[in-house]
Amino acid sequence: MEGGFDAVRHRAVADRAGLPLASTTYYFESLEDLVVEAVSHVCHDDMDAIRDRTSHLTRRRRGCEATAEALADVFVGDDRELLTTRCETVVLAQRFPRLRPLLVNRGKLLGELHHEVLEKSGRTVATASIAQLMAVEEGAVVRALSDSVDDVHAATYEALTHVVDALAPSGR
């Protein structure tokens, strides 16, 4: 994560792990093999953190702002480096097609976790609406990161407050 995925090279990984270069080239024949494993590892850690935050979210009826806050808390968190890496993986999948199934699976899991957060917040939501909500959320994160906004969480919260009631209305 320190140098982004462009820094993932056999020699760099071997040096960081304190292993001879032959170890990484033996287990990871190509650069794509190495990158796929690095992305898989980072995605796993990211999903574990999101699952943990989701599990700690209490079940209660939330208004628009409180629901937007819960979504930002769970899916943005406070690790800017991890968010940057999450965004990088999407672009990286265009150069490394073997990443696409991994990212499709991650997207499905994120959708399920969004559904859980919304349900815990007393919201009803259709699958298509979750995809739209996630698009707004991801767009806000990317925009905040690209604009070097200090508080990505706040920028995402602000964007979500404009769409939560329309995409995930309060249950009756």
N, C-alpha and C. Protein backbone atom coordinates (compact mmCIF):
# COMPACT_ATOMS: atom_id res chain seq x y z
N MET A 1 0.83 -1.20 0.00
CA MET A 1 0.00 0.00 0.00
C MET A 1 0.87 1.25 0.00
N GLU A 2 2.08 1.14 0.52
CA GLU A 2 2.92 2.33 0.66
C GLU A 2 3.20 3.02 -0.67
N GLY A 3 3.49 2.27 -1.70
CA GLY A 3 3.83 2.89 -2.98
C GLY A 3 2.76 2.67 -4.04
N GLY A 4 1.61 2.19 -3.62
CA GLY A 4 0.58 1.87 -4.59
C GLY A 4 0.93 0.59 -5.33
N PHE A 5 0.04 0.17 -6.18
CA PHE A 5 0.26 -1.10 -6.87
C PHE A 5 1.35 -1.01 -7.92
N ASP A 6 1.70 0.19 -8.36
CA ASP A 6 2.81 0.33 -9.29
C ASP A 6 4.13 -0.07 -8.64
N ALA A 7 4.19 -0.04 -7.31
CA ALA A 7 5.40 -0.41 -6.60
C ALA A 7 5.52 -1.92 -6.38
N VAL A 8 4.48 -2.67 -6.73
CA VAL A 8 4.51 -4.12 -6.55
C VAL A 8 5.37 -4.72 -7.66
N ARG A 9 6.52 -5.16 -7.26
CA ARG A 9 7.48 -5.81 -8.15
C ARG A 9 8.07 -6.99 -7.38
N HIS A 10 8.55 -7.99 -8.11
CA HIS A 10 9.13 -9.16 -7.46
C HIS A 10 10.25 -8.76 -6.48
N ARG A 11 11.15 -7.91 -6.93
CA ARG A 11 12.28 -7.53 -6.09
C ARG A 11 11.81 -6.75 -4.85
N ALA A 12 10.87 -5.83 -5.03
CA ALA A 12 10.39 -5.03 -3.90
C ALA A 12 9.70 -5.91 -2.86
N VAL A 13 8.90 -6.87 -3.33
CA VAL A 13 8.22 -7.77 -2.39
C VAL A 13 9.22 -8.66 -1.67
N ALA A 14 10.21 -9.17 -2.40
CA ALA A 14 11.24 -10.01 -1.79
C ALA A 14 12.02 -9.22 -0.74
N ASP A 15 12.40 -7.99 -1.09
CA ASP A 15 13.14 -7.15 -0.14
C ASP A 15 12.31 -6.90 1.11
N ARG A 16 11.05 -6.54 0.93
CA ARG A 16 10.17 -6.23 2.07
C ARG A 16 9.97 -7.44 2.97
N ALA A 17 9.87 -8.62 2.34
CA ALA A 17 9.64 -9.86 3.10
C ALA A 17 10.94 -10.44 3.66
N GLY A 18 12.08 -9.87 3.25
CA GLY A 18 13.36 -10.39 3.72
C GLY A 18 13.69 -11.74 3.12
N LEU A 19 13.24 -11.94 1.88
CA LEU A 19 13.46 -13.22 1.20
C LEU A 19 14.31 -13.00 -0.05
N PRO A 20 14.92 -14.05 -0.54
CA PRO A 20 15.64 -13.91 -1.81
C PRO A 20 14.65 -13.71 -2.96
N LEU A 21 15.11 -13.01 -3.98
CA LEU A 21 14.27 -12.74 -5.15
C LEU A 21 13.70 -14.03 -5.74
N ALA A 22 14.46 -15.10 -5.71
CA ALA A 22 14.00 -16.37 -6.28
C ALA A 22 12.71 -16.86 -5.61
N SER A 23 12.50 -16.51 -4.36
CA SER A 23 11.28 -16.95 -3.67
C SER A 23 10.04 -16.35 -4.31
N THR A 24 10.10 -15.07 -4.62
CA THR A 24 8.90 -14.45 -5.20
C THR A 24 8.69 -14.89 -6.64
N THR A 25 9.76 -15.07 -7.39
CA THR A 25 9.58 -15.50 -8.78
C THR A 25 9.17 -16.96 -8.87
N TYR A 26 9.50 -17.76 -7.85
CA TYR A 26 9.07 -19.15 -7.83
C TYR A 26 7.57 -19.24 -7.58
N TYR A 27 7.07 -18.52 -6.60
CA TYR A 27 5.66 -18.60 -6.23
C TYR A 27 4.76 -17.71 -7.09
N PHE A 28 5.33 -16.66 -7.65
CA PHE A 28 4.55 -15.73 -8.48
C PHE A 28 5.28 -15.58 -9.81
N GLU A 29 4.88 -16.40 -10.77
CA GLU A 29 5.57 -16.46 -12.05
C GLU A 29 5.56 -15.13 -12.79
N SER A 30 4.41 -14.44 -12.74
CA SER A 30 4.30 -13.18 -13.49
C SER A 30 4.01 -12.02 -12.54
N LEU A 31 4.18 -10.83 -13.04
CA LEU A 31 3.83 -9.64 -12.27
C LEU A 31 2.33 -9.65 -11.97
N GLU A 32 1.53 -10.10 -12.93
CA GLU A 32 0.09 -10.17 -12.70
C GLU A 32 -0.24 -11.10 -11.54
N ASP A 33 0.45 -12.24 -11.44
CA ASP A 33 0.23 -13.14 -10.30
C ASP A 33 0.48 -12.42 -8.98
N LEU A 34 1.55 -11.66 -8.95
CA LEU A 34 1.93 -10.94 -7.74
C LEU A 34 0.91 -9.85 -7.41
N VAL A 35 0.47 -9.11 -8.42
CA VAL A 35 -0.50 -8.04 -8.21
C VAL A 35 -1.85 -8.61 -7.77
N VAL A 36 -2.28 -9.69 -8.39
CA VAL A 36 -3.56 -10.30 -8.03
C VAL A 36 -3.53 -10.73 -6.56
N GLU A 37 -2.42 -11.31 -6.13
CA GLU A 37 -2.31 -11.73 -4.73
C GLU A 37 -2.29 -10.52 -3.80
N ALA A 38 -1.61 -9.45 -4.19
CA ALA A 38 -1.56 -8.24 -3.37
C ALA A 38 -2.95 -7.62 -3.24
N VAL A 39 -3.67 -7.53 -4.36
CA VAL A 39 -5.03 -6.97 -4.34
C VAL A 39 -5.95 -7.85 -3.50
N SER A 40 -5.83 -9.15 -3.66
CA SER A 40 -6.66 -10.08 -2.90
C SER A 40 -6.42 -9.88 -1.40
N HIS A 41 -5.17 -9.73 -1.01
CA HIS A 41 -4.84 -9.53 0.40
C HIS A 41 -5.44 -8.21 0.92
N VAL A 42 -5.27 -7.14 0.17
CA VAL A 42 -5.78 -5.84 0.60
C VAL A 42 -7.32 -5.86 0.65
N CYS A 43 -7.95 -6.46 -0.35
CA CYS A 43 -9.42 -6.54 -0.36
C CYS A 43 -9.93 -7.34 0.84
N HIS A 44 -9.24 -8.40 1.16
CA HIS A 44 -9.64 -9.23 2.31
C HIS A 44 -9.59 -8.39 3.59
N ASP A 45 -8.49 -7.68 3.79
CA ASP A 45 -8.37 -6.84 5.00
C ASP A 45 -9.43 -5.75 5.03
N ASP A 46 -9.67 -5.12 3.88
CA ASP A 46 -10.68 -4.06 3.78
C ASP A 46 -12.06 -4.61 4.10
N MET A 47 -12.40 -5.75 3.53
CA MET A 47 -13.72 -6.34 3.78
C MET A 47 -13.87 -6.76 5.25
N ASP A 48 -12.81 -7.26 5.84
CA ASP A 48 -12.87 -7.62 7.26
C ASP A 48 -13.18 -6.39 8.11
N ALA A 49 -12.54 -5.28 7.80
CA ALA A 49 -12.78 -4.04 8.55
C ALA A 49 -14.22 -3.55 8.36
N ILE A 50 -14.72 -3.64 7.14
CA ILE A 50 -16.10 -3.20 6.86
C ILE A 50 -17.09 -4.12 7.57
N ARG A 51 -16.86 -5.42 7.51
CA ARG A 51 -17.74 -6.37 8.21
C ARG A 51 -17.76 -6.09 9.71
N ASP A 52 -16.59 -5.82 10.25
CA ASP A 52 -16.51 -5.53 11.68
C ASP A 52 -17.31 -4.28 12.03
N ARG A 53 -17.15 -3.21 11.24
CA ARG A 53 -17.91 -1.99 11.52
C ARG A 53 -19.41 -2.22 11.34
N THR A 54 -19.79 -3.03 10.36
CA THR A 54 -21.21 -3.35 10.15
C THR A 54 -21.76 -4.12 11.35
N SER A 55 -21.01 -5.07 11.83
CA SER A 55 -21.50 -5.89 12.96
C SER A 55 -21.68 -5.07 14.23
N HIS A 56 -20.92 -4.00 14.38
CA HIS A 56 -21.02 -3.16 15.57
C HIS A 56 -22.09 -2.08 15.46
N LEU A 57 -22.70 -1.94 14.30
CA LEU A 57 -23.75 -0.95 14.11
C LEU A 57 -25.02 -1.44 14.80
N THR A 58 -25.57 -0.60 15.64
CA THR A 58 -26.79 -0.99 16.36
C THR A 58 -28.00 -0.89 15.44
N ARG A 59 -28.99 -1.69 15.75
CA ARG A 59 -30.24 -1.68 14.99
C ARG A 59 -31.16 -0.64 15.61
N ARG A 60 -31.48 0.40 14.83
CA ARG A 60 -32.43 1.43 15.27
C ARG A 60 -32.88 2.23 14.06
N ARG A 61 -34.06 2.76 14.15
CA ARG A 61 -34.59 3.59 13.07
C ARG A 61 -33.76 4.87 13.00
N ARG A 62 -33.23 5.16 11.82
CA ARG A 62 -32.41 6.35 11.64
C ARG A 62 -33.03 7.27 10.60
N GLY A 63 -32.93 8.54 10.85
CA GLY A 63 -33.34 9.54 9.86
C GLY A 63 -32.31 9.61 8.74
N CYS A 64 -32.54 10.50 7.81
CA CYS A 64 -31.67 10.63 6.65
C CYS A 64 -30.21 10.89 7.05
N GLU A 65 -30.00 11.90 7.88
CA GLU A 65 -28.64 12.27 8.26
C GLU A 65 -27.95 11.16 9.05
N ALA A 66 -28.67 10.55 9.96
CA ALA A 66 -28.08 9.47 10.77
C ALA A 66 -27.76 8.25 9.90
N THR A 67 -28.60 7.98 8.89
CA THR A 67 -28.32 6.87 7.98
C THR A 67 -27.10 7.18 7.13
N ALA A 68 -27.01 8.41 6.64
CA ALA A 68 -25.83 8.82 5.85
C ALA A 68 -24.58 8.71 6.71
N GLU A 69 -24.68 9.09 7.96
CA GLU A 69 -23.54 9.00 8.88
C GLU A 69 -23.14 7.53 9.09
N ALA A 70 -24.12 6.66 9.28
CA ALA A 70 -23.83 5.24 9.47
C ALA A 70 -23.15 4.65 8.23
N LEU A 71 -23.65 5.00 7.06
CA LEU A 71 -23.04 4.51 5.82
C LEU A 71 -21.60 5.00 5.69
N ALA A 72 -21.37 6.27 5.95
CA ALA A 72 -20.01 6.81 5.86
C ALA A 72 -19.10 6.17 6.91
N ASP A 73 -19.62 5.98 8.11
CA ASP A 73 -18.82 5.34 9.17
C ASP A 73 -18.38 3.94 8.74
N VAL A 74 -19.33 3.17 8.22
CA VAL A 74 -19.04 1.78 7.88
C VAL A 74 -18.18 1.66 6.63
N PHE A 75 -18.53 2.38 5.56
CA PHE A 75 -17.89 2.14 4.27
C PHE A 75 -16.72 3.07 3.95
N VAL A 76 -16.61 4.18 4.64
CA VAL A 76 -15.47 5.07 4.43
C VAL A 76 -14.44 4.84 5.54
N GLY A 77 -14.92 4.76 6.76
CA GLY A 77 -14.01 4.56 7.87
C GLY A 77 -13.07 5.74 8.02
N ASP A 78 -11.88 5.48 8.55
CA ASP A 78 -10.94 6.58 8.78
C ASP A 78 -9.54 6.29 8.24
N ASP A 79 -9.41 5.27 7.40
CA ASP A 79 -8.11 4.90 6.85
C ASP A 79 -8.01 5.39 5.40
N ARG A 80 -7.45 6.58 5.22
CA ARG A 80 -7.35 7.20 3.90
C ARG A 80 -6.52 6.34 2.94
N GLU A 81 -5.46 5.74 3.44
CA GLU A 81 -4.60 4.92 2.59
C GLU A 81 -5.36 3.70 2.05
N LEU A 82 -6.16 3.10 2.90
CA LEU A 82 -6.95 1.94 2.48
C LEU A 82 -8.02 2.36 1.47
N LEU A 83 -8.62 3.52 1.67
CA LEU A 83 -9.59 4.03 0.70
C LEU A 83 -8.94 4.27 -0.66
N THR A 84 -7.76 4.86 -0.64
CA THR A 84 -7.03 5.11 -1.88
C THR A 84 -6.75 3.80 -2.59
N THR A 85 -6.31 2.82 -1.83
CA THR A 85 -6.02 1.51 -2.41
C THR A 85 -7.29 0.87 -2.97
N ARG A 86 -8.41 1.02 -2.26
CA ARG A 86 -9.69 0.48 -2.74
C ARG A 86 -10.03 1.07 -4.11
N CYS A 87 -9.83 2.36 -4.25
CA CYS A 87 -10.12 3.03 -5.54
C CYS A 87 -9.14 2.59 -6.63
N GLU A 88 -7.87 2.43 -6.27
CA GLU A 88 -6.86 2.00 -7.23
C GLU A 88 -7.17 0.63 -7.82
N THR A 89 -7.74 -0.25 -7.03
CA THR A 89 -8.00 -1.61 -7.51
C THR A 89 -8.99 -1.61 -8.67
N VAL A 90 -9.91 -0.67 -8.66
CA VAL A 90 -10.90 -0.60 -9.72
C VAL A 90 -10.22 -0.28 -11.06
N VAL A 91 -9.33 0.69 -11.04
CA VAL A 91 -8.60 1.07 -12.25
C VAL A 91 -7.64 -0.03 -12.66
N LEU A 92 -7.00 -0.64 -11.68
CA LEU A 92 -6.03 -1.69 -11.93
C LEU A 92 -6.65 -2.89 -12.65
N ALA A 93 -7.92 -3.15 -12.40
CA ALA A 93 -8.60 -4.28 -13.05
C ALA A 93 -8.65 -4.12 -14.56
N GLN A 94 -8.51 -2.91 -15.04
CA GLN A 94 -8.50 -2.70 -16.49
C GLN A 94 -7.18 -3.17 -17.10
N ARG A 95 -6.10 -3.12 -16.33
CA ARG A 95 -4.80 -3.59 -16.80
C ARG A 95 -4.57 -5.06 -16.51
N PHE A 96 -5.22 -5.57 -15.46
CA PHE A 96 -5.04 -6.96 -15.05
C PHE A 96 -6.41 -7.63 -15.00
N PRO A 97 -6.85 -8.20 -16.11
CA PRO A 97 -8.21 -8.77 -16.20
C PRO A 97 -8.50 -9.85 -15.15
N ARG A 98 -7.49 -10.53 -14.63
CA ARG A 98 -7.74 -11.56 -13.61
C ARG A 98 -8.26 -10.96 -12.31
N LEU A 99 -8.17 -9.65 -12.16
CA LEU A 99 -8.72 -8.99 -10.97
C LEU A 99 -10.23 -8.82 -11.04
N ARG A 100 -10.78 -8.84 -12.23
CA ARG A 100 -12.20 -8.52 -12.38
C ARG A 100 -13.12 -9.43 -11.57
N PRO A 101 -12.95 -10.75 -11.60
CA PRO A 101 -13.83 -11.59 -10.78
C PRO A 101 -13.71 -11.27 -9.28
N LEU A 102 -12.51 -10.98 -8.82
CA LEU A 102 -12.30 -10.62 -7.43
C LEU A 102 -13.09 -9.36 -7.08
N LEU A 103 -13.03 -8.37 -7.96
CA LEU A 103 -13.72 -7.10 -7.70
C LEU A 103 -15.23 -7.24 -7.86
N VAL A 104 -15.67 -8.10 -8.77
CA VAL A 104 -17.11 -8.36 -8.88
C VAL A 104 -17.62 -8.99 -7.59
N ASN A 105 -16.88 -9.94 -7.06
CA ASN A 105 -17.26 -10.58 -5.80
C ASN A 105 -17.25 -9.56 -4.66
N ARG A 106 -16.22 -8.70 -4.61
CA ARG A 106 -16.17 -7.67 -3.58
C ARG A 106 -17.37 -6.75 -3.70
N GLY A 107 -17.76 -6.39 -4.91
CA GLY A 107 -18.92 -5.53 -5.12
C GLY A 107 -20.20 -6.17 -4.60
N LYS A 108 -20.35 -7.47 -4.82
CA LYS A 108 -21.53 -8.18 -4.32
C LYS A 108 -21.55 -8.17 -2.79
N LEU A 109 -20.40 -8.44 -2.20
CA LEU A 109 -20.32 -8.44 -0.73
C LEU A 109 -20.61 -7.05 -0.17
N LEU A 110 -20.07 -6.03 -0.82
CA LEU A 110 -20.34 -4.66 -0.38
C LEU A 110 -21.83 -4.34 -0.50
N GLY A 111 -22.45 -4.82 -1.56
CA GLY A 111 -23.89 -4.61 -1.72
C GLY A 111 -24.67 -5.25 -0.58
N GLU A 112 -24.29 -6.47 -0.22
CA GLU A 112 -24.95 -7.16 0.88
C GLU A 112 -24.76 -6.40 2.20
N LEU A 113 -23.57 -5.88 2.41
CA LEU A 113 -23.31 -5.14 3.64
C LEU A 113 -24.05 -3.80 3.65
N HIS A 114 -24.18 -3.16 2.49
CA HIS A 114 -24.99 -1.94 2.41
C HIS A 114 -26.44 -2.26 2.78
N HIS A 115 -26.93 -3.37 2.25
CA HIS A 115 -28.30 -3.78 2.57
C HIS A 115 -28.45 -3.97 4.08
N GLU A 116 -27.47 -4.61 4.70
CA GLU A 116 -27.54 -4.85 6.15
C GLU A 116 -27.55 -3.53 6.93
N VAL A 117 -26.69 -2.60 6.54
CA VAL A 117 -26.63 -1.30 7.23
C VAL A 117 -27.96 -0.58 7.07
N LEU A 118 -28.52 -0.60 5.88
CA LEU A 118 -29.80 0.09 5.64
C LEU A 118 -30.92 -0.58 6.40
N GLU A 119 -30.92 -1.90 6.42
CA GLU A 119 -31.94 -2.63 7.17
C GLU A 119 -31.83 -2.33 8.66
N LYS A 120 -30.61 -2.30 9.19
CA LYS A 120 -30.41 -1.96 10.60
C LYS A 120 -30.85 -0.53 10.90
N SER A 121 -30.93 0.29 9.88
CA SER A 121 -31.32 1.69 10.03
C SER A 121 -32.81 1.90 9.80
N GLY A 122 -33.55 0.81 9.62
CA GLY A 122 -34.99 0.90 9.41
C GLY A 122 -35.36 1.38 8.02
N ARG A 123 -34.51 1.06 7.06
CA ARG A 123 -34.72 1.51 5.68
C ARG A 123 -35.10 0.33 4.79
N THR A 124 -35.93 0.62 3.79
CA THR A 124 -36.25 -0.39 2.78
C THR A 124 -35.49 0.00 1.51
N VAL A 125 -35.01 -1.02 0.82
CA VAL A 125 -34.20 -0.71 -0.35
C VAL A 125 -34.23 -1.86 -1.35
N ALA A 126 -34.31 -1.50 -2.61
CA ALA A 126 -34.25 -2.47 -3.70
C ALA A 126 -32.79 -2.66 -4.12
N THR A 127 -32.49 -3.80 -4.71
CA THR A 127 -31.13 -4.09 -5.15
C THR A 127 -30.60 -3.01 -6.08
N ALA A 128 -31.41 -2.55 -7.02
CA ALA A 128 -30.97 -1.51 -7.95
C ALA A 128 -30.66 -0.21 -7.21
N SER A 129 -31.42 0.07 -6.18
CA SER A 129 -31.17 1.29 -5.41
C SER A 129 -29.87 1.20 -4.63
N ILE A 130 -29.51 0.00 -4.16
CA ILE A 130 -28.24 -0.17 -3.47
C ILE A 130 -27.10 0.14 -4.42
N ALA A 131 -27.19 -0.33 -5.65
CA ALA A 131 -26.15 -0.04 -6.64
C ALA A 131 -26.02 1.47 -6.87
N GLN A 132 -27.15 2.16 -6.94
CA GLN A 132 -27.11 3.62 -7.12
C GLN A 132 -26.51 4.31 -5.90
N LEU A 133 -26.89 3.87 -4.73
CA LEU A 133 -26.36 4.44 -3.49
C LEU A 133 -24.85 4.23 -3.42
N MET A 134 -24.41 3.03 -3.76
CA MET A 134 -22.97 2.73 -3.76
C MET A 134 -22.24 3.60 -4.78
N ALA A 135 -22.86 3.86 -5.92
CA ALA A 135 -22.23 4.70 -6.94
C ALA A 135 -22.04 6.12 -6.43
N VAL A 136 -23.04 6.65 -5.74
CA VAL A 136 -22.92 7.99 -5.16
C VAL A 136 -21.80 8.00 -4.12
N GLU A 137 -21.81 7.01 -3.27
CA GLU A 137 -20.81 6.90 -2.20
C GLU A 137 -19.40 6.80 -2.79
N GLU A 138 -19.21 5.89 -3.74
CA GLU A 138 -17.90 5.70 -4.36
C GLU A 138 -17.46 6.95 -5.12
N GLY A 139 -18.40 7.59 -5.79
CA GLY A 139 -18.08 8.82 -6.50
C GLY A 139 -17.63 9.92 -5.55
N ALA A 140 -18.30 10.01 -4.42
CA ALA A 140 -17.92 11.02 -3.42
C ALA A 140 -16.53 10.75 -2.87
N VAL A 141 -16.21 9.48 -2.64
CA VAL A 141 -14.89 9.12 -2.13
C VAL A 141 -13.81 9.47 -3.15
N VAL A 142 -14.02 9.07 -4.40
CA VAL A 142 -13.04 9.35 -5.44
C VAL A 142 -12.85 10.85 -5.63
N ARG A 143 -13.94 11.59 -5.66
CA ARG A 143 -13.85 13.05 -5.82
C ARG A 143 -13.10 13.67 -4.66
N ALA A 144 -13.41 13.26 -3.44
CA ALA A 144 -12.74 13.82 -2.27
C ALA A 144 -11.24 13.50 -2.29
N LEU A 145 -10.90 12.27 -2.65
CA LEU A 145 -9.49 11.90 -2.73
C LEU A 145 -8.77 12.67 -3.83
N SER A 146 -9.41 12.79 -4.99
CA SER A 146 -8.76 13.48 -6.11
C SER A 146 -8.64 14.98 -5.86
N ASP A 147 -9.54 15.54 -5.07
CA ASP A 147 -9.47 16.96 -4.73
C ASP A 147 -8.65 17.22 -3.47
N SER A 148 -8.04 16.17 -2.93
CA SER A 148 -7.25 16.26 -1.69
C SER A 148 -8.04 16.85 -0.53
N VAL A 149 -9.31 16.49 -0.47
CA VAL A 149 -10.16 16.92 0.65
C VAL A 149 -9.65 16.24 1.91
N ASP A 150 -9.51 17.01 2.97
CA ASP A 150 -8.99 16.46 4.22
C ASP A 150 -9.92 15.43 4.84
N ASP A 151 -11.22 15.70 4.82
CA ASP A 151 -12.18 14.84 5.49
C ASP A 151 -13.06 14.11 4.46
N VAL A 152 -12.58 12.96 4.01
CA VAL A 152 -13.30 12.17 3.01
C VAL A 152 -14.62 11.69 3.60
N HIS A 153 -14.62 11.34 4.86
CA HIS A 153 -15.84 10.90 5.53
C HIS A 153 -16.92 11.97 5.44
N ALA A 154 -16.58 13.21 5.76
CA ALA A 154 -17.55 14.31 5.74
C ALA A 154 -18.07 14.56 4.32
N ALA A 155 -17.20 14.49 3.34
CA ALA A 155 -17.62 14.70 1.94
C ALA A 155 -18.58 13.60 1.50
N THR A 156 -18.30 12.38 1.91
CA THR A 156 -19.18 11.26 1.56
C THR A 156 -20.51 11.38 2.29
N TYR A 157 -20.47 11.72 3.55
CA TYR A 157 -21.69 11.95 4.33
C TYR A 157 -22.56 13.00 3.63
N GLU A 158 -21.97 14.10 3.24
CA GLU A 158 -22.71 15.19 2.58
C GLU A 158 -23.40 14.69 1.30
N ALA A 159 -22.67 13.94 0.48
CA ALA A 159 -23.25 13.42 -0.76
C ALA A 159 -24.40 12.45 -0.46
N LEU A 160 -24.23 11.61 0.54
CA LEU A 160 -25.25 10.62 0.86
C LEU A 160 -26.52 11.25 1.42
N THR A 161 -26.39 12.36 2.14
CA THR A 161 -27.59 12.99 2.72
C THR A 161 -28.57 13.43 1.63
N HIS A 162 -28.07 13.66 0.42
CA HIS A 162 -28.92 14.11 -0.68
C HIS A 162 -29.68 12.97 -1.36
N VAL A 163 -29.29 11.72 -1.09
CA VAL A 163 -29.90 10.61 -1.83
C VAL A 163 -30.51 9.51 -0.95
N VAL A 164 -30.19 9.49 0.32
CA VAL A 164 -30.63 8.39 1.19
C VAL A 164 -32.16 8.25 1.18
N ASP A 165 -32.89 9.33 1.40
CA ASP A 165 -34.34 9.22 1.46
C ASP A 165 -34.95 8.75 0.13
N ALA A 166 -34.36 9.17 -0.98
CA ALA A 166 -34.90 8.76 -2.29
C ALA A 166 -34.57 7.30 -2.61
N LEU A 167 -33.36 6.86 -2.28
CA LEU A 167 -32.93 5.52 -2.67
C LEU A 167 -33.23 4.45 -1.60
N ALA A 168 -33.34 4.88 -0.36
CA ALA A 168 -33.60 3.93 0.73
C ALA A 168 -34.58 4.56 1.70
N PRO A 169 -35.85 4.62 1.31
CA PRO A 169 -36.84 5.29 2.16
C PRO A 169 -37.00 4.59 3.52
N SER A 170 -37.41 5.39 4.47
CA SER A 170 -37.64 4.87 5.81
C SER A 170 -38.80 3.87 5.77
N GLY A 171 -38.60 2.73 6.45
CA GLY A 171 -39.66 1.71 6.51
C GLY A 171 -40.83 2.20 7.35
N ARG A 172 -41.96 1.64 7.13
CA ARG A 172 -43.16 2.09 7.83
C ARG A 172 -43.44 1.23 9.02
